[in-house]
């Protein structure tokens, strides 16, 4: 099992696992399967970042992509200390095998290597208990709640907002 940053060459595997995530867990993402399924492989290829401050990590077993997580650092000067985690998904048959923990650890270590990044942010559907426990185990804290964040099939979903401070900066006021 290996974890690497996806490249444009991984677009087909990325498309496949992203569509699987949306199909099997429609309540957990802000996008629905049908919105993504109509996108071309080129559109998926274009969504794979090619710089160090924005990336998608993939976990492979025997050349098959079995899990993903995305990282995005803010580009605006006043916001560059923040980065976002999104689109985390582990295939069902690999859950409970610490793959999510491995992916998240790799992402956090990559974020620490980026000088400006001090805080990681994510949002999670309130009833996604297993994912929430994973994030809490890494020290993420819930700092807010967005009510009625998603609406799907006439049902509303609340998002919990979570953060993790990965660097303590010394403040000089003199």
N, C-alpha and C. Protein backbone atom coordinates (compact mmCIF):
# COMPACT_ATOMS: atom_id res chain seq x y z
N UNK A 1 0.84 -1.17 0.00
CA UNK A 1 0.00 0.00 0.00
C UNK A 1 0.89 1.24 0.00
N UNK A 2 0.62 2.17 -0.95
CA UNK A 2 1.39 3.40 -1.00
C UNK A 2 0.46 4.61 -1.08
N UNK A 3 0.94 5.73 -0.55
CA UNK A 3 0.21 6.99 -0.61
C UNK A 3 1.06 7.98 -1.38
N UNK A 4 0.49 8.55 -2.44
CA UNK A 4 1.21 9.51 -3.27
C UNK A 4 0.26 10.65 -3.68
N UNK A 5 0.85 11.75 -4.13
CA UNK A 5 0.06 12.83 -4.72
C UNK A 5 -0.36 12.39 -6.11
N UNK A 6 -1.65 12.56 -6.40
CA UNK A 6 -2.14 12.20 -7.72
C UNK A 6 -1.59 13.17 -8.76
N UNK A 7 -1.42 12.66 -9.97
CA UNK A 7 -1.00 13.47 -11.11
C UNK A 7 -2.08 13.38 -12.18
N UNK A 8 -1.89 14.13 -13.23
CA UNK A 8 -2.84 14.11 -14.35
C UNK A 8 -3.02 12.68 -14.90
N UNK A 9 -2.00 11.85 -14.75
CA UNK A 9 -2.07 10.47 -15.26
C UNK A 9 -3.00 9.58 -14.43
N UNK A 10 -3.39 10.07 -13.26
CA UNK A 10 -4.28 9.31 -12.38
C UNK A 10 -5.74 9.69 -12.57
N UNK A 11 -6.05 10.47 -13.59
CA UNK A 11 -7.39 11.03 -13.77
C UNK A 11 -8.47 9.95 -13.86
N UNK A 12 -8.21 8.87 -14.55
CA UNK A 12 -9.25 7.83 -14.70
C UNK A 12 -9.57 7.18 -13.36
N UNK A 13 -8.55 6.84 -12.59
CA UNK A 13 -8.77 6.25 -11.28
C UNK A 13 -9.44 7.24 -10.34
N UNK A 14 -9.02 8.50 -10.43
CA UNK A 14 -9.62 9.55 -9.60
C UNK A 14 -11.10 9.72 -9.94
N UNK A 15 -11.42 9.75 -11.21
CA UNK A 15 -12.83 9.88 -11.63
C UNK A 15 -13.64 8.72 -11.08
N UNK A 16 -13.11 7.52 -11.22
CA UNK A 16 -13.82 6.32 -10.78
C UNK A 16 -14.10 6.35 -9.27
N UNK A 17 -13.10 6.67 -8.46
CA UNK A 17 -13.29 6.65 -7.01
C UNK A 17 -14.15 7.83 -6.55
N UNK A 18 -14.03 8.96 -7.22
CA UNK A 18 -14.85 10.12 -6.86
C UNK A 18 -16.33 9.82 -7.14
N UNK A 19 -16.62 9.23 -8.28
CA UNK A 19 -18.00 8.87 -8.60
C UNK A 19 -18.53 7.81 -7.64
N UNK A 20 -17.69 6.86 -7.28
CA UNK A 20 -18.09 5.84 -6.30
C UNK A 20 -18.44 6.50 -4.96
N UNK A 21 -17.61 7.44 -4.53
CA UNK A 21 -17.85 8.14 -3.26
C UNK A 21 -19.21 8.84 -3.28
N UNK A 22 -19.49 9.53 -4.36
CA UNK A 22 -20.75 10.28 -4.47
C UNK A 22 -21.95 9.34 -4.57
N UNK A 23 -21.78 8.21 -5.23
CA UNK A 23 -22.86 7.25 -5.40
C UNK A 23 -23.17 6.52 -4.08
N UNK A 24 -22.12 6.09 -3.37
CA UNK A 24 -22.31 5.29 -2.16
C UNK A 24 -22.59 6.12 -0.91
N UNK A 25 -22.12 7.37 -0.92
CA UNK A 25 -22.30 8.23 0.26
C UNK A 25 -22.84 9.60 -0.15
N UNK A 26 -24.02 9.64 -0.73
CA UNK A 26 -24.55 10.90 -1.26
C UNK A 26 -24.76 11.99 -0.20
N UNK A 27 -24.96 11.60 1.05
CA UNK A 27 -25.20 12.58 2.11
C UNK A 27 -23.93 13.29 2.56
N UNK A 28 -22.77 12.75 2.23
CA UNK A 28 -21.51 13.25 2.79
C UNK A 28 -20.81 14.32 1.96
N UNK A 29 -21.31 14.59 0.78
CA UNK A 29 -20.61 15.52 -0.10
C UNK A 29 -21.56 16.60 -0.62
N UNK A 30 -21.00 17.74 -0.97
CA UNK A 30 -21.79 18.86 -1.48
C UNK A 30 -22.17 18.72 -2.94
N UNK A 31 -21.64 17.73 -3.60
CA UNK A 31 -21.92 17.45 -5.00
C UNK A 31 -22.67 16.13 -5.08
N UNK A 32 -23.54 15.99 -6.07
CA UNK A 32 -24.21 14.71 -6.24
C UNK A 32 -23.63 13.96 -7.43
N UNK A 33 -23.84 12.67 -7.44
CA UNK A 33 -23.29 11.77 -8.46
C UNK A 33 -23.58 12.27 -9.87
N UNK A 34 -24.83 12.64 -10.13
CA UNK A 34 -25.23 12.99 -11.49
C UNK A 34 -24.54 14.26 -12.00
N UNK A 35 -24.18 15.17 -11.10
CA UNK A 35 -23.44 16.37 -11.50
C UNK A 35 -22.03 16.02 -11.98
N UNK A 36 -21.42 15.06 -11.33
CA UNK A 36 -20.04 14.69 -11.66
C UNK A 36 -19.97 13.66 -12.79
N UNK A 37 -20.96 12.79 -12.87
CA UNK A 37 -20.92 11.70 -13.86
C UNK A 37 -20.92 12.22 -15.29
N UNK A 38 -21.46 13.40 -15.51
CA UNK A 38 -21.51 13.93 -16.88
C UNK A 38 -20.22 14.63 -17.29
N UNK A 39 -19.29 14.79 -16.35
CA UNK A 39 -18.02 15.45 -16.65
C UNK A 39 -17.09 14.50 -17.38
N UNK A 40 -16.32 15.07 -18.28
CA UNK A 40 -15.39 14.28 -19.09
C UNK A 40 -14.14 13.95 -18.30
N UNK A 41 -13.38 13.01 -18.83
CA UNK A 41 -12.11 12.66 -18.19
C UNK A 41 -11.18 13.86 -18.21
N UNK A 42 -11.25 14.69 -19.22
CA UNK A 42 -10.43 15.91 -19.29
C UNK A 42 -10.78 16.87 -18.15
N UNK A 43 -12.06 16.98 -17.85
CA UNK A 43 -12.47 17.85 -16.74
C UNK A 43 -11.93 17.33 -15.40
N UNK A 44 -11.93 16.02 -15.24
CA UNK A 44 -11.35 15.44 -14.03
C UNK A 44 -9.85 15.65 -14.01
N UNK A 45 -9.20 15.48 -15.15
CA UNK A 45 -7.76 15.69 -15.24
C UNK A 45 -7.41 17.13 -14.85
N UNK A 46 -8.22 18.07 -15.29
CA UNK A 46 -7.97 19.49 -14.98
C UNK A 46 -8.18 19.80 -13.50
N UNK A 47 -8.91 18.99 -12.80
CA UNK A 47 -9.18 19.22 -11.37
C UNK A 47 -8.06 18.70 -10.47
N UNK A 48 -7.13 17.95 -11.04
CA UNK A 48 -6.01 17.45 -10.24
C UNK A 48 -4.93 18.53 -10.22
N UNK A 49 -4.70 19.12 -9.05
CA UNK A 49 -3.72 20.21 -8.96
C UNK A 49 -2.30 19.72 -9.25
N UNK A 50 -1.48 20.63 -9.75
CA UNK A 50 -0.10 20.25 -10.07
C UNK A 50 0.92 21.08 -9.30
N UNK A 51 0.51 21.68 -8.17
CA UNK A 51 1.48 22.42 -7.37
C UNK A 51 1.50 21.85 -5.96
N UNK A 52 2.51 22.23 -5.19
CA UNK A 52 2.70 21.65 -3.86
C UNK A 52 1.74 22.17 -2.81
N UNK A 53 1.09 23.31 -3.08
CA UNK A 53 0.19 23.89 -2.09
C UNK A 53 -1.26 23.47 -2.30
N UNK A 54 -1.51 22.70 -3.30
CA UNK A 54 -2.83 22.13 -3.59
C UNK A 54 -2.58 20.76 -4.17
N UNK A 55 -3.20 19.74 -3.56
CA UNK A 55 -2.94 18.40 -4.05
C UNK A 55 -4.06 17.45 -3.63
N UNK A 56 -4.09 16.31 -4.28
CA UNK A 56 -4.97 15.21 -3.90
C UNK A 56 -4.06 14.03 -3.60
N UNK A 57 -4.19 13.49 -2.41
CA UNK A 57 -3.46 12.28 -2.07
C UNK A 57 -4.30 11.08 -2.42
N UNK A 58 -3.63 10.06 -2.91
CA UNK A 58 -4.31 8.81 -3.20
C UNK A 58 -3.59 7.66 -2.54
N UNK A 59 -4.36 6.72 -2.04
CA UNK A 59 -3.80 5.50 -1.47
C UNK A 59 -4.05 4.39 -2.49
N UNK A 60 -2.97 3.72 -2.86
CA UNK A 60 -3.04 2.66 -3.86
C UNK A 60 -2.71 1.32 -3.23
N UNK A 61 -3.43 0.31 -3.65
CA UNK A 61 -3.07 -1.07 -3.34
C UNK A 61 -3.05 -1.82 -4.66
N UNK A 62 -1.90 -2.39 -4.98
CA UNK A 62 -1.72 -3.11 -6.25
C UNK A 62 -2.18 -2.26 -7.43
N UNK A 63 -1.75 -1.03 -7.48
CA UNK A 63 -2.02 -0.08 -8.57
C UNK A 63 -3.48 0.36 -8.67
N UNK A 64 -4.31 -0.04 -7.69
CA UNK A 64 -5.71 0.38 -7.67
C UNK A 64 -5.88 1.48 -6.63
N UNK A 65 -6.51 2.58 -7.04
CA UNK A 65 -6.77 3.70 -6.14
C UNK A 65 -7.92 3.32 -5.22
N UNK A 66 -7.65 3.28 -3.91
CA UNK A 66 -8.66 2.81 -2.96
C UNK A 66 -9.12 3.89 -1.99
N UNK A 67 -8.42 5.04 -1.97
CA UNK A 67 -8.80 6.12 -1.05
C UNK A 67 -8.20 7.43 -1.54
N UNK A 68 -8.90 8.54 -1.23
CA UNK A 68 -8.44 9.87 -1.63
C UNK A 68 -8.73 10.89 -0.54
N UNK A 69 -7.98 11.98 -0.58
CA UNK A 69 -8.26 13.16 0.23
C UNK A 69 -7.61 14.35 -0.48
N UNK A 70 -8.30 15.49 -0.46
CA UNK A 70 -7.81 16.69 -1.15
C UNK A 70 -7.36 17.75 -0.16
N UNK A 71 -6.38 18.54 -0.58
CA UNK A 71 -5.81 19.62 0.21
C UNK A 71 -5.76 20.87 -0.66
N UNK A 72 -6.20 21.98 -0.08
CA UNK A 72 -6.19 23.25 -0.82
C UNK A 72 -5.78 24.38 0.11
N UNK A 73 -4.69 25.06 -0.23
CA UNK A 73 -4.26 26.22 0.54
C UNK A 73 -4.87 27.47 -0.08
N UNK A 74 -5.31 28.37 0.78
CA UNK A 74 -5.81 29.66 0.31
C UNK A 74 -4.70 30.39 -0.44
N UNK A 75 -5.04 31.10 -1.49
CA UNK A 75 -4.03 31.81 -2.28
C UNK A 75 -3.93 33.29 -1.93
N UNK A 76 -5.00 33.86 -1.38
CA UNK A 76 -4.97 35.28 -1.04
C UNK A 76 -4.04 35.54 0.14
N UNK A 77 -3.29 36.62 0.09
CA UNK A 77 -2.24 36.90 1.07
C UNK A 77 -2.74 36.83 2.51
N UNK A 78 -3.86 37.43 2.81
CA UNK A 78 -4.36 37.44 4.19
C UNK A 78 -4.89 36.08 4.65
N UNK A 79 -5.07 35.18 3.73
CA UNK A 79 -5.66 33.88 4.07
C UNK A 79 -4.71 32.70 3.86
N UNK A 80 -3.48 32.96 3.47
CA UNK A 80 -2.54 31.88 3.14
C UNK A 80 -2.17 31.00 4.34
N UNK A 81 -2.49 31.45 5.53
CA UNK A 81 -2.20 30.64 6.72
C UNK A 81 -3.22 29.51 6.91
N UNK A 82 -4.26 29.50 6.05
CA UNK A 82 -5.32 28.49 6.15
C UNK A 82 -5.29 27.54 4.95
N UNK A 83 -5.64 26.30 5.23
CA UNK A 83 -5.78 25.31 4.17
C UNK A 83 -6.97 24.42 4.50
N UNK A 84 -7.51 23.81 3.47
CA UNK A 84 -8.75 23.04 3.59
C UNK A 84 -8.53 21.58 3.21
N UNK A 85 -9.18 20.73 3.96
CA UNK A 85 -9.22 19.30 3.66
C UNK A 85 -10.62 19.00 3.14
N UNK A 86 -10.69 18.24 2.04
CA UNK A 86 -12.00 17.91 1.47
C UNK A 86 -11.95 16.58 0.74
N UNK A 87 -13.13 16.12 0.38
CA UNK A 87 -13.30 14.96 -0.50
C UNK A 87 -12.65 13.67 0.02
N UNK A 88 -12.58 13.51 1.32
CA UNK A 88 -12.00 12.29 1.90
C UNK A 88 -12.94 11.12 1.62
N UNK A 89 -12.36 10.03 1.11
CA UNK A 89 -13.15 8.83 0.85
C UNK A 89 -12.24 7.61 0.87
N UNK A 90 -12.69 6.57 1.56
CA UNK A 90 -12.03 5.27 1.57
C UNK A 90 -13.05 4.25 1.11
N UNK A 91 -12.67 3.42 0.15
CA UNK A 91 -13.61 2.39 -0.33
C UNK A 91 -14.07 1.53 0.83
N UNK A 92 -15.33 1.12 0.76
CA UNK A 92 -15.96 0.40 1.87
C UNK A 92 -15.18 -0.82 2.34
N UNK A 93 -14.66 -1.61 1.40
CA UNK A 93 -13.96 -2.84 1.79
C UNK A 93 -12.63 -2.58 2.48
N UNK A 94 -12.15 -1.33 2.46
CA UNK A 94 -10.89 -0.98 3.12
C UNK A 94 -11.09 -0.18 4.40
N UNK A 95 -12.33 0.11 4.76
CA UNK A 95 -12.60 0.87 5.97
C UNK A 95 -12.29 0.01 7.20
N UNK A 96 -11.88 0.68 8.26
CA UNK A 96 -11.52 -0.02 9.48
C UNK A 96 -10.11 -0.60 9.45
N UNK A 97 -9.35 -0.27 8.41
CA UNK A 97 -7.98 -0.79 8.26
C UNK A 97 -6.94 0.32 8.39
N UNK A 98 -7.35 1.44 9.00
CA UNK A 98 -6.45 2.56 9.30
C UNK A 98 -5.98 3.33 8.06
N UNK A 99 -6.62 3.13 6.92
CA UNK A 99 -6.22 3.83 5.71
C UNK A 99 -6.55 5.32 5.80
N UNK A 100 -7.72 5.63 6.34
CA UNK A 100 -8.07 7.04 6.55
C UNK A 100 -7.07 7.73 7.45
N UNK A 101 -6.64 7.03 8.48
CA UNK A 101 -5.66 7.58 9.41
C UNK A 101 -4.32 7.81 8.70
N UNK A 102 -3.90 6.86 7.89
CA UNK A 102 -2.65 7.01 7.13
C UNK A 102 -2.72 8.19 6.17
N UNK A 103 -3.83 8.31 5.45
CA UNK A 103 -4.01 9.41 4.50
C UNK A 103 -3.99 10.76 5.21
N UNK A 104 -4.74 10.85 6.29
CA UNK A 104 -4.83 12.11 7.01
C UNK A 104 -3.48 12.49 7.62
N UNK A 105 -2.77 11.52 8.15
CA UNK A 105 -1.45 11.79 8.70
C UNK A 105 -0.50 12.31 7.61
N UNK A 106 -0.52 11.69 6.46
CA UNK A 106 0.33 12.12 5.34
C UNK A 106 -0.04 13.54 4.91
N UNK A 107 -1.31 13.83 4.86
CA UNK A 107 -1.77 15.17 4.48
C UNK A 107 -1.29 16.21 5.50
N UNK A 108 -1.44 15.91 6.78
CA UNK A 108 -1.04 16.86 7.82
C UNK A 108 0.47 17.10 7.77
N UNK A 109 1.25 16.06 7.57
CA UNK A 109 2.70 16.23 7.46
C UNK A 109 3.06 17.07 6.24
N UNK A 110 2.36 16.86 5.13
CA UNK A 110 2.58 17.69 3.95
C UNK A 110 2.22 19.14 4.19
N UNK A 111 1.14 19.36 4.94
CA UNK A 111 0.72 20.73 5.26
C UNK A 111 1.74 21.42 6.16
N UNK A 112 2.31 20.69 7.11
CA UNK A 112 3.32 21.27 8.01
C UNK A 112 4.55 21.72 7.24
N UNK A 113 4.84 21.07 6.12
CA UNK A 113 6.01 21.43 5.31
C UNK A 113 5.81 22.72 4.52
N UNK A 114 4.58 23.19 4.43
CA UNK A 114 4.29 24.44 3.73
C UNK A 114 4.40 25.56 4.75
N UNK A 115 5.36 26.43 4.57
CA UNK A 115 5.72 27.43 5.58
C UNK A 115 4.53 28.24 6.08
N UNK A 116 3.69 28.73 5.19
CA UNK A 116 2.61 29.64 5.60
C UNK A 116 1.46 28.96 6.32
N UNK A 117 1.23 27.69 6.09
CA UNK A 117 0.04 27.02 6.61
C UNK A 117 0.15 26.79 8.12
N UNK A 118 -0.82 27.36 8.84
CA UNK A 118 -0.86 27.23 10.30
C UNK A 118 -2.09 26.48 10.78
N UNK A 119 -3.14 26.47 9.99
CA UNK A 119 -4.40 25.88 10.44
C UNK A 119 -5.05 25.11 9.29
N UNK A 120 -5.60 23.94 9.64
CA UNK A 120 -6.34 23.13 8.68
C UNK A 120 -7.81 23.20 9.03
N UNK A 121 -8.63 23.34 8.02
CA UNK A 121 -10.08 23.46 8.18
C UNK A 121 -10.77 22.38 7.37
N UNK A 122 -11.91 21.95 7.86
CA UNK A 122 -12.75 21.02 7.10
C UNK A 122 -14.17 21.16 7.59
N UNK A 123 -15.08 20.64 6.80
CA UNK A 123 -16.46 20.54 7.27
C UNK A 123 -16.92 19.11 7.05
N UNK A 124 -17.83 18.70 7.90
CA UNK A 124 -18.28 17.31 7.88
C UNK A 124 -19.78 17.27 8.19
N UNK A 125 -20.49 16.43 7.46
CA UNK A 125 -21.91 16.27 7.73
C UNK A 125 -22.05 15.77 9.17
N UNK A 126 -22.95 16.41 9.90
CA UNK A 126 -23.05 16.19 11.34
C UNK A 126 -23.23 14.73 11.72
N UNK A 127 -23.93 13.95 10.92
CA UNK A 127 -24.19 12.55 11.30
C UNK A 127 -23.13 11.57 10.78
N UNK A 128 -22.02 12.07 10.28
CA UNK A 128 -20.94 11.20 9.80
C UNK A 128 -20.01 10.87 10.98
N UNK A 129 -20.47 10.01 11.88
CA UNK A 129 -19.81 9.77 13.15
C UNK A 129 -18.42 9.15 13.01
N UNK A 130 -18.25 8.20 12.08
CA UNK A 130 -16.95 7.54 11.96
C UNK A 130 -15.88 8.52 11.48
N UNK A 131 -16.21 9.33 10.49
CA UNK A 131 -15.25 10.33 10.01
C UNK A 131 -14.96 11.36 11.10
N UNK A 132 -15.99 11.77 11.81
CA UNK A 132 -15.80 12.76 12.88
C UNK A 132 -14.84 12.22 13.94
N UNK A 133 -14.99 10.94 14.30
CA UNK A 133 -14.09 10.34 15.29
C UNK A 133 -12.65 10.33 14.79
N UNK A 134 -12.47 10.08 13.51
CA UNK A 134 -11.12 10.11 12.94
C UNK A 134 -10.50 11.50 13.11
N UNK A 135 -11.25 12.52 12.73
CA UNK A 135 -10.73 13.89 12.83
C UNK A 135 -10.48 14.29 14.28
N UNK A 136 -11.38 13.94 15.16
CA UNK A 136 -11.19 14.26 16.59
C UNK A 136 -9.95 13.57 17.15
N UNK A 137 -9.67 12.35 16.67
CA UNK A 137 -8.50 11.61 17.16
C UNK A 137 -7.19 12.30 16.77
N UNK A 138 -7.21 13.14 15.74
CA UNK A 138 -6.03 13.91 15.33
C UNK A 138 -5.96 15.27 16.02
N UNK A 139 -6.95 15.57 16.83
CA UNK A 139 -6.94 16.83 17.55
C UNK A 139 -7.78 17.93 16.93
N UNK A 140 -8.50 17.63 15.85
CA UNK A 140 -9.41 18.62 15.28
C UNK A 140 -10.47 18.97 16.31
N UNK A 141 -10.90 20.22 16.28
CA UNK A 141 -11.94 20.68 17.19
C UNK A 141 -13.11 21.24 16.39
N UNK A 142 -14.29 21.03 16.89
CA UNK A 142 -15.49 21.59 16.27
C UNK A 142 -15.60 23.05 16.72
N UNK A 143 -15.68 23.97 15.75
CA UNK A 143 -15.78 25.38 16.11
C UNK A 143 -17.06 26.03 15.61
N UNK A 144 -17.87 25.30 14.89
CA UNK A 144 -19.10 25.90 14.42
C UNK A 144 -20.02 24.89 13.77
N UNK A 145 -21.21 25.35 13.48
CA UNK A 145 -22.24 24.52 12.85
C UNK A 145 -22.93 25.35 11.78
N UNK A 146 -22.99 24.82 10.58
CA UNK A 146 -23.75 25.46 9.51
C UNK A 146 -25.04 24.68 9.34
N UNK A 147 -26.14 25.30 9.77
CA UNK A 147 -27.44 24.65 9.67
C UNK A 147 -27.92 24.69 8.22
N UNK A 148 -28.65 23.66 7.84
CA UNK A 148 -29.25 23.58 6.51
C UNK A 148 -28.21 23.80 5.40
N UNK A 149 -27.01 23.27 5.59
CA UNK A 149 -25.91 23.46 4.64
C UNK A 149 -26.17 22.76 3.31
N UNK A 150 -26.69 21.54 3.36
CA UNK A 150 -27.02 20.78 2.16
C UNK A 150 -28.51 20.49 2.19
N UNK A 151 -29.08 20.42 1.01
CA UNK A 151 -30.47 19.98 0.88
C UNK A 151 -30.51 18.97 -0.25
N UNK A 152 -30.97 17.77 0.07
CA UNK A 152 -31.01 16.69 -0.91
C UNK A 152 -32.25 15.86 -0.63
N UNK A 153 -33.06 15.62 -1.67
CA UNK A 153 -34.31 14.87 -1.53
C UNK A 153 -35.18 15.44 -0.41
N UNK A 154 -35.29 16.75 -0.39
CA UNK A 154 -36.10 17.47 0.60
C UNK A 154 -35.67 17.23 2.05
N UNK A 155 -34.43 16.86 2.24
CA UNK A 155 -33.88 16.67 3.59
C UNK A 155 -32.68 17.61 3.74
N UNK A 156 -32.59 18.28 4.89
CA UNK A 156 -31.49 19.17 5.17
C UNK A 156 -30.40 18.45 5.96
N UNK A 157 -29.16 18.85 5.71
CA UNK A 157 -28.02 18.30 6.43
C UNK A 157 -27.23 19.46 7.02
N UNK A 158 -26.81 19.28 8.27
CA UNK A 158 -26.00 20.28 8.95
C UNK A 158 -24.53 19.90 8.79
N UNK A 159 -23.69 20.91 8.66
CA UNK A 159 -22.25 20.69 8.59
C UNK A 159 -21.60 21.19 9.88
N UNK A 160 -20.74 20.35 10.45
CA UNK A 160 -19.91 20.79 11.55
C UNK A 160 -18.59 21.29 10.96
N UNK A 161 -18.14 22.43 11.44
CA UNK A 161 -16.90 23.03 10.98
C UNK A 161 -15.81 22.64 11.97
N UNK A 162 -14.70 22.14 11.46
CA UNK A 162 -13.63 21.66 12.32
C UNK A 162 -12.31 22.31 11.94
N UNK A 163 -11.42 22.45 12.93
CA UNK A 163 -10.11 23.04 12.67
C UNK A 163 -9.03 22.33 13.48
N UNK A 164 -7.81 22.41 12.95
CA UNK A 164 -6.64 21.88 13.64
C UNK A 164 -5.50 22.87 13.45
N UNK A 165 -4.96 23.35 14.55
CA UNK A 165 -3.81 24.25 14.49
C UNK A 165 -2.56 23.39 14.38
N UNK A 166 -1.80 23.54 13.29
CA UNK A 166 -0.63 22.69 13.09
C UNK A 166 0.68 23.41 13.40
N UNK A 167 0.62 24.74 13.56
CA UNK A 167 1.82 25.51 13.91
C UNK A 167 1.42 26.62 14.86
N UNK A 168 2.24 26.81 15.85
CA UNK A 168 2.06 27.93 16.76
C UNK A 168 3.02 29.02 16.33
N UNK A 169 2.50 30.16 15.99
CA UNK A 169 3.33 31.29 15.59
C UNK A 169 3.50 32.21 16.80
N UNK A 170 4.72 32.68 16.97
CA UNK A 170 4.98 33.63 18.04
C UNK A 170 4.56 35.01 17.57
N UNK A 171 3.78 35.67 18.38
CA UNK A 171 3.28 37.00 18.04
C UNK A 171 4.18 38.07 18.66
N UNK A 172 4.65 38.97 17.84
CA UNK A 172 5.47 40.08 18.32
C UNK A 172 4.67 41.37 18.14
N UNK A 173 4.40 42.04 19.25
CA UNK A 173 3.64 43.28 19.19
C UNK A 173 4.52 44.51 19.31
N UNK A 174 5.84 44.34 19.33
CA UNK A 174 6.75 45.49 19.49
C UNK A 174 7.49 45.77 18.22
